[in-house]
Amino acid sequence: MGQDRVILIDTTVSGAKPGTVMRFDPTDGELPKNVFRHSSHQFGVAEAIEMARVLGRLPEHIVVYGIEGKSFDLGAGLSDGVEDGVLATVEAIKQDIIDWV
């Protein structure tokens, strides 16, 4: 059973300042693969979105937020700036939900 509205959040590694928030609408086109490249499964967000597109399972409304990370060490907490990015993303998601209702 699929969902028609999806919000996905992941870390990004683009060289931007840690905590930078990026917002993508995959219905407009492919996600940049070089931004969502950290995955412990060798199948990241960009690949999963494209697989859904190929299979005709991409939700009608989907937003992907990327928050630029800094440290990806096991057990590392939020780096300086990243917490601010998380809080900004929460506010943006609230607005997405309001816009969808």
Protein backbone atom coordinates (compact mmCIF):
# COMPACT_ATOMS: atom_id res chain seq x y z
CA MET A 1 0.00 0.00 0.00
CA GLY A 2 1.55 3.29 -1.11
CA GLN A 3 1.28 6.79 0.24
CA ASP A 4 0.38 9.82 -1.86
CA ARG A 5 2.26 12.34 0.35
CA VAL A 6 5.80 11.69 1.55
CA ILE A 7 8.44 13.80 3.28
CA LEU A 8 11.91 12.29 3.42
CA ILE A 9 14.89 13.67 5.34
CA ASP A 10 18.51 12.63 4.94
CA THR A 11 21.99 14.01 5.39
CA THR A 12 23.86 15.51 2.49
CA VAL A 13 27.52 15.83 1.62
CA SER A 14 27.88 18.57 -0.95
CA GLY A 15 30.62 20.77 0.46
CA ALA A 16 28.11 23.29 1.78
CA LYS A 17 28.35 24.68 5.30
CA PRO A 18 27.23 22.09 7.91
CA GLY A 19 23.57 22.60 8.71
CA THR A 20 22.69 23.92 5.26
CA VAL A 21 19.20 22.75 4.33
CA MET A 22 18.34 21.76 0.77
CA ARG A 23 14.82 21.03 -0.43
CA PHE A 24 14.08 18.93 -3.50
CA ASP A 25 10.87 17.97 -5.28
CA PRO A 26 11.60 14.68 -7.07
CA THR A 27 8.50 15.12 -9.24
CA ASP A 28 10.48 17.91 -10.96
CA GLY A 29 13.33 15.56 -11.92
CA GLU A 30 16.15 13.44 -10.57
CA LEU A 31 17.84 14.17 -7.26
CA PRO A 32 21.52 15.07 -7.51
CA LYS A 33 23.32 11.79 -6.82
CA ASN A 34 26.49 13.55 -5.68
CA VAL A 35 24.63 15.18 -2.76
CA PHE A 36 22.94 12.10 -1.24
CA ARG A 37 25.88 9.74 -1.29
CA HIS A 38 26.20 8.41 2.26
CA SER A 39 24.49 5.09 2.76
CA SER A 40 25.31 2.03 4.76
CA HIS A 41 23.36 -0.04 2.25
CA GLN A 42 24.99 1.05 -1.04
CA PHE A 43 21.53 2.15 -2.15
CA GLY A 44 20.90 5.75 -1.18
CA VAL A 45 18.02 8.18 -1.31
CA ALA A 46 18.60 9.24 -4.93
CA GLU A 47 18.65 5.61 -6.09
CA ALA A 48 15.53 4.73 -4.10
CA ILE A 49 13.64 7.72 -5.56
CA GLU A 50 14.67 6.78 -9.10
CA MET A 51 13.68 3.14 -8.53
CA ALA A 52 10.24 4.32 -7.38
CA ARG A 53 9.99 6.51 -10.49
CA VAL A 54 10.91 3.63 -12.82
CA LEU A 55 8.41 1.34 -11.11
CA GLY A 56 5.66 3.97 -11.29
CA ARG A 57 5.51 4.16 -7.48
CA LEU A 58 6.71 7.71 -6.91
CA PRO A 59 4.20 9.42 -4.61
CA GLU A 60 2.11 12.21 -6.10
CA HIS A 61 3.50 14.64 -3.51
CA ILE A 62 7.05 14.04 -2.30
CA VAL A 63 9.58 16.39 -0.78
CA VAL A 64 13.14 15.45 0.09
CA TYR A 65 15.09 17.53 2.59
CA GLY A 66 18.84 17.25 2.84
CA ILE A 67 20.71 18.62 5.82
CA GLU A 68 24.43 19.07 5.23
CA GLY A 69 26.37 16.98 7.71
CA LYS A 70 29.85 17.39 9.11
CA SER A 71 30.87 14.33 11.11
CA PHE A 72 29.65 10.86 10.20
CA ASP A 73 31.63 8.99 12.84
CA LEU A 74 29.77 6.20 14.59
CA GLY A 75 28.06 7.61 17.68
CA ALA A 76 28.85 11.22 16.81
CA GLY A 77 26.28 13.77 17.96
CA LEU A 78 25.04 16.72 15.94
CA SER A 79 27.87 18.96 14.74
CA ASP A 80 27.83 22.74 15.14
CA GLY A 81 25.30 24.20 12.75
CA VAL A 82 23.59 20.89 12.03
CA GLU A 83 21.17 21.27 14.95
CA ASP A 84 20.11 24.64 13.49
CA GLY A 85 19.56 22.91 10.15
CA VAL A 86 17.37 20.29 11.81
CA LEU A 87 15.26 22.97 13.50
CA ALA A 88 14.91 24.88 10.20
CA THR A 89 13.84 21.67 8.48
CA VAL A 90 11.16 21.04 11.10
CA GLU A 91 9.72 24.50 10.42
CA ALA A 92 9.82 23.92 6.66
CA ILE A 93 8.06 20.58 7.06
CA LYS A 94 5.34 22.22 9.14
CA GLN A 95 4.77 24.61 6.24
CA ASP A 96 4.69 21.73 3.73
CA ILE A 97 1.99 20.03 5.78
CA ILE A 98 -0.03 23.23 6.00
CA ASP A 99 0.28 23.70 2.23
CA TRP A 100 -0.85 20.11 1.58
CA VAL A 101 -3.95 20.39 3.79
